[in-house]
């Protein structure tokens, strides 16, 4: 029986209200055999384009473990920056970074101005 390399995907959604209307990356995964081929960047670009052109969002965001420096560096390379820290986001044990990338609708890039203090998961606007 053949093994299908279907463990490469992106899941996302559009959510929020007003200037918090945004695209959200729920998950992005590239199978180990297919890494180092810029697939994650291509998947992210598709989600960003849909967020911009179909949903007219202000920004795209995602959550990543603070300890995942490989992913954080990858997202920085894609133009994302840390907007805020969410304390105990992962099962109450590990903090997350809420990383964001402004889209053209956010002309003044207000959506990516970093917050100075961390928040708790229950303080998230959309989750």
PDB file of N, CA and C in Angstrom:
ATOM      1  N   UNK A   1       0.844  -1.168   0.000  1.00  0.00           N
ATOM      2  CA  UNK A   1       0.000   0.000   0.000  1.00  0.00           C
ATOM      3  C   UNK A   1       0.900   1.245   0.000  1.00  0.00           C
ATOM      4  N   UNK A   2       0.659   2.203  -0.894  1.00  0.00           N
ATOM      5  CA  UNK A   2       1.504   3.406  -0.943  1.00  0.00           C
ATOM      6  C   UNK A   2       1.263   4.313   0.263  1.00  0.00           C
ATOM      7  N   UNK A   3       2.305   5.011   0.658  1.00  0.00           N
ATOM      8  CA  UNK A   3       2.205   6.006   1.716  1.00  0.00           C
ATOM      9  C   UNK A   3       2.085   7.366   1.048  1.00  0.00           C
ATOM     10  N   UNK A   4       0.992   8.052   1.320  1.00  0.00           N
ATOM     11  CA  UNK A   4       0.755   9.348   0.695  1.00  0.00           C
ATOM     12  C   UNK A   4       1.408  10.441   1.522  1.00  0.00           C
ATOM     13  N   UNK A   5       2.167  11.317   0.877  1.00  0.00           N
ATOM     14  CA  UNK A   5       2.823  12.417   1.602  1.00  0.00           C
ATOM     15  C   UNK A   5       1.854  13.572   1.873  1.00  0.00           C
ATOM     16  N   UNK A   6       0.784  13.275   2.600  1.00  0.00           N
ATOM     17  CA  UNK A   6      -0.255  14.286   2.811  1.00  0.00           C
ATOM     18  C   UNK A   6      -0.102  15.014   4.146  1.00  0.00           C
ATOM     19  N   UNK A   7       1.060  14.908   4.762  1.00  0.00           N
ATOM     20  CA  UNK A   7       1.262  15.602   6.024  1.00  0.00           C
ATOM     21  C   UNK A   7       1.869  16.984   5.788  1.00  0.00           C
ATOM     22  N   UNK A   8       1.490  17.591   4.692  1.00  0.00           N
ATOM     23  CA  UNK A   8       1.888  18.958   4.385  1.00  0.00           C
ATOM     24  C   UNK A   8       0.601  19.742   4.139  1.00  0.00           C
ATOM     25  N   UNK A   9       0.326  20.698   5.037  1.00  0.00           N
ATOM     26  CA  UNK A   9      -0.939  21.425   4.930  1.00  0.00           C
ATOM     27  C   UNK A   9      -0.871  22.720   5.726  1.00  0.00           C
ATOM     28  N   UNK A  10      -1.861  23.584   5.470  1.00  0.00           N
ATOM     29  CA  UNK A  10      -2.081  24.768   6.284  1.00  0.00           C
ATOM     30  C   UNK A  10      -3.574  24.864   6.566  1.00  0.00           C
ATOM     31  N   UNK A  11      -3.903  25.225   7.790  1.00  0.00           N
ATOM     32  CA  UNK A  11      -5.287  25.467   8.192  1.00  0.00           C
ATOM     33  C   UNK A  11      -5.378  26.896   8.693  1.00  0.00           C
ATOM     34  N   UNK A  12      -6.403  27.581   8.285  1.00  0.00           N
ATOM     35  CA  UNK A  12      -6.564  28.955   8.734  1.00  0.00           C
ATOM     36  C   UNK A  12      -8.014  29.376   8.690  1.00  0.00           C
ATOM     37  N   UNK A  13      -8.246  30.580   9.174  1.00  0.00           N
ATOM     38  CA  UNK A  13      -9.597  31.124   9.198  1.00  0.00           C
ATOM     39  C   UNK A  13      -9.512  32.637   9.236  1.00  0.00           C
ATOM     40  N   UNK A  14     -10.622  33.267   8.947  1.00  0.00           N
ATOM     41  CA  UNK A  14     -10.752  34.715   9.114  1.00  0.00           C
ATOM     42  C   UNK A  14     -11.677  34.931  10.298  1.00  0.00           C
ATOM     43  N   UNK A  15     -11.307  35.879  11.171  1.00  0.00           N
ATOM     44  CA  UNK A  15     -12.099  36.120  12.370  1.00  0.00           C
ATOM     45  C   UNK A  15     -11.867  37.536  12.876  1.00  0.00           C
ATOM     46  N   UNK A  16     -12.681  37.953  13.835  1.00  0.00           N
ATOM     47  CA  UNK A  16     -12.520  39.252  14.464  1.00  0.00           C
ATOM     48  C   UNK A  16     -13.602  40.226  14.035  1.00  0.00           C
ATOM     49  N   UNK A  17     -13.442  41.469  14.501  1.00  0.00           N
ATOM     50  CA  UNK A  17     -14.372  42.541  14.162  1.00  0.00           C
ATOM     51  C   UNK A  17     -13.596  43.829  13.994  1.00  0.00           C
ATOM     52  N   UNK A  18     -14.095  44.708  13.163  1.00  0.00           N
ATOM     53  CA  UNK A  18     -13.469  46.011  12.974  1.00  0.00           C
ATOM     54  C   UNK A  18     -12.004  45.883  12.595  1.00  0.00           C
ATOM     55  N   UNK A  19     -11.149  46.665  13.242  1.00  0.00           N
ATOM     56  CA  UNK A  19      -9.717  46.623  12.934  1.00  0.00           C
ATOM     57  C   UNK A  19      -9.041  45.363  13.461  1.00  0.00           C
ATOM     58  N   UNK A  20      -9.776  44.505  14.151  1.00  0.00           N
ATOM     59  CA  UNK A  20      -9.246  43.210  14.580  1.00  0.00           C
ATOM     60  C   UNK A  20      -9.627  42.098  13.608  1.00  0.00           C
ATOM     61  N   UNK A  21     -10.249  42.446  12.473  1.00  0.00           N
ATOM     62  CA  UNK A  21     -10.589  41.469  11.441  1.00  0.00           C
ATOM     63  C   UNK A  21      -9.277  40.976  10.841  1.00  0.00           C
ATOM     64  N   UNK A  22      -9.023  39.660  10.937  1.00  0.00           N
ATOM     65  CA  UNK A  22      -7.719  39.139  10.526  1.00  0.00           C
ATOM     66  C   UNK A  22      -7.786  37.691  10.069  1.00  0.00           C
ATOM     67  N   UNK A  23      -6.737  37.288   9.382  1.00  0.00           N
ATOM     68  CA  UNK A  23      -6.534  35.891   9.054  1.00  0.00           C
ATOM     69  C   UNK A  23      -5.757  35.254  10.190  1.00  0.00           C
ATOM     70  N   UNK A  24      -6.099  34.029  10.521  1.00  0.00           N
ATOM     71  CA  UNK A  24      -5.413  33.334  11.604  1.00  0.00           C
ATOM     72  C   UNK A  24      -4.879  32.003  11.090  1.00  0.00           C
ATOM     73  N   UNK A  25      -3.596  31.751  11.327  1.00  0.00           N
ATOM     74  CA  UNK A  25      -2.981  30.472  10.973  1.00  0.00           C
ATOM     75  C   UNK A  25      -3.240  29.530  12.146  1.00  0.00           C
ATOM     76  N   UNK A  26      -4.084  28.549  11.934  1.00  0.00           N
ATOM     77  CA  UNK A  26      -4.388  27.568  12.967  1.00  0.00           C
ATOM     78  C   UNK A  26      -3.278  26.526  13.043  1.00  0.00           C
ATOM     79  N   UNK A  27      -2.801  26.079  11.890  1.00  0.00           N
ATOM     80  CA  UNK A  27      -1.721  25.087  11.848  1.00  0.00           C
ATOM     81  C   UNK A  27      -1.049  25.132  10.485  1.00  0.00           C
ATOM     82  N   UNK A  28       0.234  24.913  10.491  1.00  0.00           N
ATOM     83  CA  UNK A  28       0.988  24.719   9.249  1.00  0.00           C
ATOM     84  C   UNK A  28       1.985  23.598   9.522  1.00  0.00           C
ATOM     85  N   UNK A  29       1.980  22.614   8.645  1.00  0.00           N
ATOM     86  CA  UNK A  29       2.830  21.443   8.820  1.00  0.00           C
ATOM     87  C   UNK A  29       3.413  21.031   7.476  1.00  0.00           C
ATOM     88  N   UNK A  30       4.694  20.749   7.490  1.00  0.00           N
ATOM     89  CA  UNK A  30       5.362  20.212   6.304  1.00  0.00           C
ATOM     90  C   UNK A  30       6.013  18.897   6.715  1.00  0.00           C
ATOM     91  N   UNK A  31       5.675  17.832   6.004  1.00  0.00           N
ATOM     92  CA  UNK A  31       6.232  16.507   6.297  1.00  0.00           C
ATOM     93  C   UNK A  31       7.751  16.563   6.229  1.00  0.00           C
ATOM     94  N   UNK A  32       8.431  15.843   7.119  1.00  0.00           N
ATOM     95  CA  UNK A  32       9.902  15.881   7.167  1.00  0.00           C
ATOM     96  C   UNK A  32      10.591  15.669   5.815  1.00  0.00           C
ATOM     97  N   UNK A  33      10.080  14.765   5.015  1.00  0.00           N
ATOM     98  CA  UNK A  33      10.711  14.499   3.712  1.00  0.00           C
ATOM     99  C   UNK A  33      10.590  15.663   2.736  1.00  0.00           C
ATOM    100  N   UNK A  34       9.727  16.620   3.040  1.00  0.00           N
ATOM    101  CA  UNK A  34       9.473  17.724   2.114  1.00  0.00           C
ATOM    102  C   UNK A  34       9.941  19.078   2.654  1.00  0.00           C
ATOM    103  N   UNK A  35      10.663  19.060   3.760  1.00  0.00           N
ATOM    104  CA  UNK A  35      11.163  20.309   4.328  1.00  0.00           C
ATOM    105  C   UNK A  35      12.347  20.816   3.524  1.00  0.00           C
ATOM    106  N   UNK A  36      12.687  22.094   3.750  1.00  0.00           N
ATOM    107  CA  UNK A  36      13.792  22.761   3.045  1.00  0.00           C
ATOM    108  C   UNK A  36      13.501  22.949   1.555  1.00  0.00           C
ATOM    109  N   UNK A  37      12.211  23.035   1.226  1.00  0.00           N
ATOM    110  CA  UNK A  37      11.805  23.272  -0.159  1.00  0.00           C
ATOM    111  C   UNK A  37      10.920  24.512  -0.265  1.00  0.00           C
ATOM    112  N   UNK A  38      10.907  25.320   0.776  1.00  0.00           N
ATOM    113  CA  UNK A  38      10.106  26.546   0.834  1.00  0.00           C
ATOM    114  C   UNK A  38       8.599  26.303   0.783  1.00  0.00           C
ATOM    115  N   UNK A  39       8.176  25.092   1.137  1.00  0.00           N
ATOM    116  CA  UNK A  39       6.739  24.803   1.111  1.00  0.00           C
ATOM    117  C   UNK A  39       5.980  25.573   2.180  1.00  0.00           C
ATOM    118  N   UNK A  40       6.550  25.695   3.378  1.00  0.00           N
ATOM    119  CA  UNK A  40       5.873  26.460   4.430  1.00  0.00           C
ATOM    120  C   UNK A  40       5.679  27.900   3.986  1.00  0.00           C
ATOM    121  N   UNK A  41       6.684  28.478   3.372  1.00  0.00           N
ATOM    122  CA  UNK A  41       6.583  29.856   2.898  1.00  0.00           C
ATOM    123  C   UNK A  41       5.497  29.979   1.825  1.00  0.00           C
ATOM    124  N   UNK A  42       5.422  29.005   0.938  1.00  0.00           N
ATOM    125  CA  UNK A  42       4.393  29.037  -0.110  1.00  0.00           C
ATOM    126  C   UNK A  42       2.993  28.878   0.479  1.00  0.00           C
ATOM    127  N   UNK A  43       2.853  27.987   1.453  1.00  0.00           N
ATOM    128  CA  UNK A  43       1.555  27.811   2.098  1.00  0.00           C
ATOM    129  C   UNK A  43       1.134  29.084   2.828  1.00  0.00           C
ATOM    130  N   UNK A  44       2.072  29.684   3.552  1.00  0.00           N
ATOM    131  CA  UNK A  44       1.775  30.929   4.266  1.00  0.00           C
ATOM    132  C   UNK A  44       1.388  32.037   3.278  1.00  0.00           C
ATOM    133  N   UNK A  45       2.072  32.109   2.156  1.00  0.00           N
ATOM    134  CA  UNK A  45       1.771  33.135   1.154  1.00  0.00           C
ATOM    135  C   UNK A  45       0.348  32.981   0.615  1.00  0.00           C
ATOM    136  N   UNK A  46      -0.093  31.742   0.431  1.00  0.00           N
ATOM    137  CA  UNK A  46      -1.461  31.503  -0.045  1.00  0.00           C
ATOM    138  C   UNK A  46      -2.469  31.970   1.003  1.00  0.00           C
ATOM    139  N   UNK A  47      -2.237  31.604   2.267  1.00  0.00           N
ATOM    140  CA  UNK A  47      -3.152  32.032   3.328  1.00  0.00           C
ATOM    141  C   UNK A  47      -3.179  33.550   3.448  1.00  0.00           C
ATOM    142  N   UNK A  48      -2.015  34.189   3.350  1.00  0.00           N
ATOM    143  CA  UNK A  48      -1.953  35.651   3.418  1.00  0.00           C
ATOM    144  C   UNK A  48      -2.703  36.286   2.251  1.00  0.00           C
ATOM    145  N   UNK A  49      -2.542  35.724   1.066  1.00  0.00           N
ATOM    146  CA  UNK A  49      -3.225  36.273  -0.107  1.00  0.00           C
ATOM    147  C   UNK A  49      -4.746  36.147   0.023  1.00  0.00           C
ATOM    148  N   UNK A  50      -5.221  35.017   0.509  1.00  0.00           N
ATOM    149  CA  UNK A  50      -6.656  34.832   0.716  1.00  0.00           C
ATOM    150  C   UNK A  50      -7.150  35.798   1.792  1.00  0.00           C
ATOM    151  N   UNK A  51      -6.370  35.945   2.866  1.00  0.00           N
ATOM    152  CA  UNK A  51      -6.749  36.874   3.939  1.00  0.00           C
ATOM    153  C   UNK A  51      -6.865  38.298   3.413  1.00  0.00           C
ATOM    154  N   UNK A  52      -5.949  38.663   2.528  1.00  0.00           N
ATOM    155  CA  UNK A  52      -5.946  40.018   1.966  1.00  0.00           C
ATOM    156  C   UNK A  52      -7.011  40.209   0.899  1.00  0.00           C
ATOM    157  N   UNK A  53      -7.011  39.353  -0.106  1.00  0.00           N
ATOM    158  CA  UNK A  53      -7.818  39.600  -1.303  1.00  0.00           C
ATOM    159  C   UNK A  53      -9.246  39.087  -1.213  1.00  0.00           C
ATOM    160  N   UNK A  54      -9.465  38.025  -0.476  1.00  0.00           N
ATOM    161  CA  UNK A  54     -10.818  37.482  -0.350  1.00  0.00           C
ATOM    162  C   UNK A  54     -11.528  38.064   0.864  1.00  0.00           C
ATOM    163  N   UNK A  55     -10.814  38.125   2.007  1.00  0.00           N
ATOM    164  CA  UNK A  55     -11.450  38.528   3.266  1.00  0.00           C
ATOM    165  C   UNK A  55     -11.164  39.976   3.673  1.00  0.00           C
ATOM    166  N   UNK A  56     -10.254  40.656   2.962  1.00  0.00           N
ATOM    167  CA  UNK A  56      -9.921  42.059   3.236  1.00  0.00           C
ATOM    168  C   UNK A  56      -9.530  42.273   4.703  1.00  0.00           C
ATOM    169  N   UNK A  57      -8.633  41.422   5.199  1.00  0.00           N
ATOM    170  CA  UNK A  57      -8.189  41.476   6.590  1.00  0.00           C
ATOM    171  C   UNK A  57      -7.142  42.565   6.805  1.00  0.00           C
ATOM    172  N   UNK A  58      -6.986  42.945   8.063  1.00  0.00           N
ATOM    173  CA  UNK A  58      -5.977  43.921   8.448  1.00  0.00           C
ATOM    174  C   UNK A  58      -4.608  43.271   8.680  1.00  0.00           C
ATOM    175  N   UNK A  59      -4.604  42.028   9.143  1.00  0.00           N
ATOM    176  CA  UNK A  59      -3.348  41.349   9.441  1.00  0.00           C
ATOM    177  C   UNK A  59      -3.569  39.839   9.469  1.00  0.00           C
ATOM    178  N   UNK A  60      -2.483  39.103   9.562  1.00  0.00           N
ATOM    179  CA  UNK A  60      -2.521  37.657   9.787  1.00  0.00           C
ATOM    180  C   UNK A  60      -1.771  37.405  11.085  1.00  0.00           C
ATOM    181  N   UNK A  61      -2.308  36.501  11.910  1.00  0.00           N
ATOM    182  CA  UNK A  61      -1.602  36.161  13.140  1.00  0.00           C
ATOM    183  C   UNK A  61      -1.481  34.655  13.304  1.00  0.00           C
ATOM    184  N   UNK A  62      -0.620  34.268  14.242  1.00  0.00           N
ATOM    185  CA  UNK A  62      -0.408  32.866  14.583  1.00  0.00           C
ATOM    186  C   UNK A  62       0.171  32.808  15.980  1.00  0.00           C
ATOM    187  N   UNK A  63       0.071  31.647  16.598  1.00  0.00           N
ATOM    188  CA  UNK A  63       0.668  31.429  17.910  1.00  0.00           C
ATOM    189  C   UNK A  63       1.767  30.386  17.774  1.00  0.00           C
ATOM    190  N   UNK A  64       2.861  30.619  18.487  1.00  0.00           N
ATOM    191  CA  UNK A  64       3.998  29.703  18.439  1.00  0.00           C
ATOM    192  C   UNK A  64       4.600  29.616  19.837  1.00  0.00           C
ATOM    193  N   UNK A  65       5.061  28.428  20.196  1.00  0.00           N
ATOM    194  CA  UNK A  65       5.703  28.257  21.502  1.00  0.00           C
ATOM    195  C   UNK A  65       6.931  29.156  21.605  1.00  0.00           C
ATOM    196  N   UNK A  66       7.080  29.804  22.748  1.00  0.00           N
ATOM    197  CA  UNK A  66       8.254  30.661  22.970  1.00  0.00           C
ATOM    198  C   UNK A  66       9.552  29.894  22.822  1.00  0.00           C
ATOM    199  N   UNK A  67       9.518  28.608  23.120  1.00  0.00           N
ATOM    200  CA  UNK A  67      10.732  27.785  23.056  1.00  0.00           C
ATOM    201  C   UNK A  67      11.067  27.322  21.641  1.00  0.00           C
ATOM    202  N   UNK A  68      10.180  27.532  20.689  1.00  0.00           N
ATOM    203  CA  UNK A  68      10.377  27.033  19.323  1.00  0.00           C
ATOM    204  C   UNK A  68      11.123  28.066  18.479  1.00  0.00           C
ATOM    205  N   UNK A  69      12.404  28.202  18.752  1.00  0.00           N
ATOM    206  CA  UNK A  69      13.195  29.229  18.067  1.00  0.00           C
ATOM    207  C   UNK A  69      13.301  28.987  16.560  1.00  0.00           C
ATOM    208  N   UNK A  70      13.265  27.738  16.136  1.00  0.00           N
ATOM    209  CA  UNK A  70      13.325  27.449  14.693  1.00  0.00           C
ATOM    210  C   UNK A  70      12.108  28.047  13.992  1.00  0.00           C
ATOM    211  N   UNK A  71      10.917  27.801  14.546  1.00  0.00           N
ATOM    212  CA  UNK A  71       9.689  28.328  13.941  1.00  0.00           C
ATOM    213  C   UNK A  71       9.644  29.849  14.042  1.00  0.00           C
ATOM    214  N   UNK A  72      10.042  30.389  15.190  1.00  0.00           N
ATOM    215  CA  UNK A  72      10.027  31.841  15.368  1.00  0.00           C
ATOM    216  C   UNK A  72      10.911  32.509  14.326  1.00  0.00           C
ATOM    217  N   UNK A  73      12.094  31.984  14.114  1.00  0.00           N
ATOM    218  CA  UNK A  73      12.999  32.543  13.102  1.00  0.00           C
ATOM    219  C   UNK A  73      12.431  32.405  11.699  1.00  0.00           C
ATOM    220  N   UNK A  74      11.767  31.284  11.428  1.00  0.00           N
ATOM    221  CA  UNK A  74      11.145  31.091  10.115  1.00  0.00           C
ATOM    222  C   UNK A  74      10.052  32.143   9.899  1.00  0.00           C
ATOM    223  N   UNK A  75       9.190  32.336  10.891  1.00  0.00           N
ATOM    224  CA  UNK A  75       8.116  33.314  10.750  1.00  0.00           C
ATOM    225  C   UNK A  75       8.662  34.734  10.626  1.00  0.00           C
ATOM    226  N   UNK A  76       9.727  35.041  11.346  1.00  0.00           N
ATOM    227  CA  UNK A  76      10.366  36.359  11.197  1.00  0.00           C
ATOM    228  C   UNK A  76      10.830  36.549   9.744  1.00  0.00           C
ATOM    229  N   UNK A  77      11.405  35.512   9.183  1.00  0.00           N
ATOM    230  CA  UNK A  77      11.854  35.560   7.786  1.00  0.00           C
ATOM    231  C   UNK A  77      10.680  35.837   6.835  1.00  0.00           C
ATOM    232  N   UNK A  78       9.493  35.378   7.214  1.00  0.00           N
ATOM    233  CA  UNK A  78       8.291  35.589   6.401  1.00  0.00           C
ATOM    234  C   UNK A  78       7.666  36.958   6.649  1.00  0.00           C
ATOM    235  N   UNK A  79       8.242  37.759   7.554  1.00  0.00           N
ATOM    236  CA  UNK A  79       7.736  39.102   7.805  1.00  0.00           C
ATOM    237  C   UNK A  79       6.889  39.259   9.047  1.00  0.00           C
ATOM    238  N   UNK A  80       6.812  38.235   9.887  1.00  0.00           N
ATOM    239  CA  UNK A  80       6.037  38.297  11.124  1.00  0.00           C
ATOM    240  C   UNK A  80       6.897  38.848  12.248  1.00  0.00           C
ATOM    241  N   UNK A  81       6.244  39.500  13.203  1.00  0.00           N
ATOM    242  CA  UNK A  81       6.932  39.997  14.387  1.00  0.00           C
ATOM    243  C   UNK A  81       6.100  39.627  15.616  1.00  0.00           C
ATOM    244  N   UNK A  82       6.756  39.613  16.770  1.00  0.00           N
ATOM    245  CA  UNK A  82       6.061  39.278  18.012  1.00  0.00           C
ATOM    246  C   UNK A  82       5.207  40.469  18.425  1.00  0.00           C
ATOM    247  N   UNK A  83       3.918  40.242  18.513  1.00  0.00           N
ATOM    248  CA  UNK A  83       2.980  41.270  18.938  1.00  0.00           C
ATOM    249  C   UNK A  83       2.821  41.268  20.457  1.00  0.00           C
ATOM    250  N   UNK A  84       2.735  40.063  21.033  1.00  0.00           N
ATOM    251  CA  UNK A  84       2.571  39.946  22.479  1.00  0.00           C
ATOM    252  C   UNK A  84       2.897  38.519  22.918  1.00  0.00           C
ATOM    253  N   UNK A  85       3.067  38.371  24.225  1.00  0.00           N
ATOM    254  CA  UNK A  85       3.269  37.068  24.848  1.00  0.00           C
ATOM    255  C   UNK A  85       1.977  36.663  25.543  1.00  0.00           C
ATOM    256  N   UNK A  86       1.585  35.409  25.371  1.00  0.00           N
ATOM    257  CA  UNK A  86       0.404  34.876  26.043  1.00  0.00           C
ATOM    258  C   UNK A  86       0.908  33.865  27.070  1.00  0.00           C
ATOM    259  N   UNK A  87       0.808  34.228  28.342  1.00  0.00           N
ATOM    260  CA  UNK A  87       1.344  33.429  29.434  1.00  0.00           C
ATOM    261  C   UNK A  87       0.530  32.148  29.617  1.00  0.00           C
ATOM    262  N   UNK A  88       1.207  30.995  29.630  1.00  0.00           N
ATOM    263  CA  UNK A  88       0.553  29.718  29.883  1.00  0.00           C
ATOM    264  C   UNK A  88      -0.392  29.268  28.787  1.00  0.00           C
ATOM    265  N   UNK A  89      -0.190  29.727  27.561  1.00  0.00           N
ATOM    266  CA  UNK A  89      -1.091  29.412  26.453  1.00  0.00           C
ATOM    267  C   UNK A  89      -1.153  27.909  26.177  1.00  0.00           C
ATOM    268  N   UNK A  90      -0.029  27.235  26.243  1.00  0.00           N
ATOM    269  CA  UNK A  90       0.030  25.808  25.950  1.00  0.00           C
ATOM    270  C   UNK A  90      -0.147  25.002  27.231  1.00  0.00           C
ATOM    271  N   UNK A  91      -1.360  24.556  27.475  1.00  0.00           N
ATOM    272  CA  UNK A  91      -1.717  23.725  28.635  1.00  0.00           C
ATOM    273  C   UNK A  91      -1.319  24.356  29.959  1.00  0.00           C
ATOM    274  N   UNK A  92      -1.206  25.659  30.002  1.00  0.00           N
ATOM    275  CA  UNK A  92      -0.830  26.340  31.223  1.00  0.00           C
ATOM    276  C   UNK A  92       0.636  26.209  31.577  1.00  0.00           C
ATOM    277  N   UNK A  93       1.380  25.461  30.763  1.00  0.00           N
ATOM    278  CA  UNK A  93       2.782  25.166  31.069  1.00  0.00           C
ATOM    279  C   UNK A  93       3.786  26.010  30.295  1.00  0.00           C
ATOM    280  N   UNK A  94       3.397  26.457  29.112  1.00  0.00           N
ATOM    281  CA  UNK A  94       4.364  27.176  28.293  1.00  0.00           C
ATOM    282  C   UNK A  94       3.714  28.394  27.655  1.00  0.00           C
ATOM    283  N   UNK A  95       4.487  29.462  27.583  1.00  0.00           N
ATOM    284  CA  UNK A  95       4.012  30.699  26.971  1.00  0.00           C
ATOM    285  C   UNK A  95       4.051  30.586  25.451  1.00  0.00           C
ATOM    286  N   UNK A  96       3.223  31.409  24.821  1.00  0.00           N
ATOM    287  CA  UNK A  96       3.194  31.514  23.363  1.00  0.00           C
ATOM    288  C   UNK A  96       3.524  32.939  22.965  1.00  0.00           C
ATOM    289  N   UNK A  97       4.066  33.072  21.782  1.00  0.00           N
ATOM    290  CA  UNK A  97       4.143  34.369  21.135  1.00  0.00           C
ATOM    291  C   UNK A  97       2.976  34.457  20.170  1.00  0.00           C
ATOM    292  N   UNK A  98       2.286  35.573  20.202  1.00  0.00           N
ATOM    293  CA  UNK A  98       1.296  35.908  19.190  1.00  0.00           C
ATOM    294  C   UNK A  98       2.083  36.727  18.176  1.00  0.00           C
ATOM    295  N   UNK A  99       2.334  36.134  17.013  1.00  0.00           N
ATOM    296  CA  UNK A  99       3.104  36.813  15.971  1.00  0.00           C
ATOM    297  C   UNK A  99       2.133  37.311  14.903  1.00  0.00           C
ATOM    298  N   UNK A 100       2.447  38.488  14.365  1.00  0.00           N
ATOM    299  CA  UNK A 100       1.553  39.105  13.379  1.00  0.00           C
ATOM    300  C   UNK A 100       2.314  39.678  12.194  1.00  0.00           C
ATOM    301  N   UNK A 101       1.575  39.760  11.112  1.00  0.00           N
ATOM    302  CA  UNK A 101       2.080  40.417   9.901  1.00  0.00           C
ATOM    303  C   UNK A 101       0.951  41.313   9.387  1.00  0.00           C
ATOM    304  N   UNK A 102       1.243  42.587   9.249  1.00  0.00           N
ATOM    305  CA  UNK A 102       0.239  43.526   8.747  1.00  0.00           C
ATOM    306  C   UNK A 102      -0.001  43.297   7.262  1.00  0.00           C
ATOM    307  N   UNK A 103      -1.247  43.480   6.848  1.00  0.00           N
ATOM    308  CA  UNK A 103      -1.618  43.402   5.439  1.00  0.00           C
ATOM    309  C   UNK A 103      -1.871  44.822   4.924  1.00  0.00           C
ATOM    310  N   UNK A 104      -1.951  45.009   3.613  1.00  0.00           N
ATOM    311  CA  UNK A 104      -2.094  46.364   3.061  1.00  0.00           C
ATOM    312  C   UNK A 104      -3.262  47.176   3.612  1.00  0.00           C
ATOM    313  N   UNK A 105      -4.342  46.522   4.051  1.00  0.00           N
ATOM    314  CA  UNK A 105      -5.484  47.277   4.594  1.00  0.00           C
ATOM    315  C   UNK A 105      -5.085  48.050   5.850  1.00  0.00           C
ATOM    316  N   UNK A 106      -4.105  47.542   6.600  1.00  0.00           N
ATOM    317  CA  UNK A 106      -3.630  48.220   7.809  1.00  0.00           C
ATOM    318  C   UNK A 106      -2.536  49.208   7.398  1.00  0.00           C
ATOM    319  N   UNK A 107      -2.954  50.293   6.808  1.00  0.00           N
ATOM    320  CA  UNK A 107      -2.047  51.272   6.224  1.00  0.00           C
ATOM    321  C   UNK A 107      -1.024  51.783   7.233  1.00  0.00           C
ATOM    322  N   UNK A 108      -1.438  52.000   8.459  1.00  0.00           N
ATOM    323  CA  UNK A 108      -0.534  52.550   9.480  1.00  0.00           C
ATOM    324  C   UNK A 108       0.128  51.468  10.332  1.00  0.00           C
ATOM    325  N   UNK A 109      -0.137  50.206  10.006  1.00  0.00           N
ATOM    326  CA  UNK A 109       0.435  49.044  10.692  1.00  0.00           C
ATOM    327  C   UNK A 109       0.220  49.072  12.209  1.00  0.00           C
ATOM    328  N   UNK A 110      -0.939  49.536  12.612  1.00  0.00           N
ATOM    329  CA  UNK A 110      -1.274  49.547  14.040  1.00  0.00           C
ATOM    330  C   UNK A 110      -1.415  48.138  14.608  1.00  0.00           C
ATOM    331  N   UNK A 111      -1.799  47.190  13.775  1.00  0.00           N
ATOM    332  CA  UNK A 111      -2.048  45.823  14.255  1.00  0.00           C
ATOM    333  C   UNK A 111      -0.787  45.099  14.707  1.00  0.00           C
ATOM    334  N   UNK A 112       0.374  45.627  14.365  1.00  0.00           N
ATOM    335  CA  UNK A 112       1.618  44.944  14.723  1.00  0.00           C
ATOM    336  C   UNK A 112       2.468  45.710  15.736  1.00  0.00           C
ATOM    337  N   UNK A 113       1.933  46.798  16.276  1.00  0.00           N
ATOM    338  CA  UNK A 113       2.666  47.528  17.316  1.00  0.00           C
ATOM    339  C   UNK A 113       2.662  46.653  18.569  1.00  0.00           C
ATOM    340  N   UNK A 114       3.836  46.219  19.031  1.00  0.00           N
ATOM    341  CA  UNK A 114       3.887  45.249  20.148  1.00  0.00           C
ATOM    342  C   UNK A 114       3.262  45.777  21.434  1.00  0.00           C
ATOM    343  N   UNK A 115       2.577  44.877  22.137  1.00  0.00           N
ATOM    344  CA  UNK A 115       2.076  45.202  23.468  1.00  0.00           C
ATOM    345  C   UNK A 115       3.242  45.120  24.446  1.00  0.00           C
ATOM    346  N   UNK A 116       3.225  45.962  25.443  1.00  0.00           N
ATOM    347  CA  UNK A 116       4.335  46.026  26.396  1.00  0.00           C
ATOM    348  C   UNK A 116       4.226  44.986  27.506  1.00  0.00           C
ATOM    349  N   UNK A 117       3.010  44.476  27.755  1.00  0.00           N
ATOM    350  CA  UNK A 117       2.863  43.524  28.840  1.00  0.00           C
ATOM    351  C   UNK A 117       2.228  42.232  28.319  1.00  0.00           C
ATOM    352  N   UNK A 118       2.572  41.100  28.946  1.00  0.00           N
ATOM    353  CA  UNK A 118       1.958  39.830  28.529  1.00  0.00           C
ATOM    354  C   UNK A 118       0.489  39.768  28.930  1.00  0.00           C
ATOM    355  N   UNK A 119      -0.239  38.877  28.294  1.00  0.00           N
ATOM    356  CA  UNK A 119      -1.645  38.653  28.640  1.00  0.00           C
ATOM    357  C   UNK A 119      -1.832  37.177  28.982  1.00  0.00           C
ATOM    358  N   UNK A 120      -3.005  36.852  29.510  1.00  0.00           N
ATOM    359  CA  UNK A 120      -3.374  35.471  29.814  1.00  0.00           C
ATOM    360  C   UNK A 120      -4.288  34.955  28.710  1.00  0.00           C
ATOM    361  N   UNK A 121      -4.370  33.644  28.529  1.00  0.00           N
ATOM    362  CA  UNK A 121      -5.242  33.096  27.471  1.00  0.00           C
ATOM    363  C   UNK A 121      -6.682  33.598  27.556  1.00  0.00           C
ATOM    364  N   UNK A 122      -7.195  33.775  28.757  1.00  0.00           N
ATOM    365  CA  UNK A 122      -8.588  34.224  28.879  1.00  0.00           C
ATOM    366  C   UNK A 122      -8.784  35.673  28.438  1.00  0.00           C
ATOM    367  N   UNK A 123      -7.690  36.400  28.233  1.00  0.00           N
ATOM    368  CA  UNK A 123      -7.775  37.788  27.768  1.00  0.00           C
ATOM    369  C   UNK A 123      -7.736  37.907  26.252  1.00  0.00           C
ATOM    370  N   UNK A 124      -7.562  36.796  25.545  1.00  0.00           N
ATOM    371  CA  UNK A 124      -7.512  36.830  24.087  1.00  0.00           C
ATOM    372  C   UNK A 124      -8.872  37.243  23.523  1.00  0.00           C
ATOM    373  N   UNK A 125      -8.842  38.086  22.509  1.00  0.00           N
ATOM    374  CA  UNK A 125     -10.082  38.560  21.889  1.00  0.00           C
ATOM    375  C   UNK A 125     -10.772  37.444  21.113  1.00  0.00           C
ATOM    376  N   UNK A 126      -9.997  36.662  20.360  1.00  0.00           N
ATOM    377  CA  UNK A 126     -10.561  35.638  19.465  1.00  0.00           C
ATOM    378  C   UNK A 126      -9.780  34.363  19.675  1.00  0.00           C
ATOM    379  N   UNK A 127     -10.443  33.384  20.143  1.00  0.00           N
ATOM    380  CA  UNK A 127      -9.757  32.106  20.361  1.00  0.00           C
ATOM    381  C   UNK A 127     -10.720  30.967  20.252  1.00  0.00           C
TER     382      UNK A 127
END
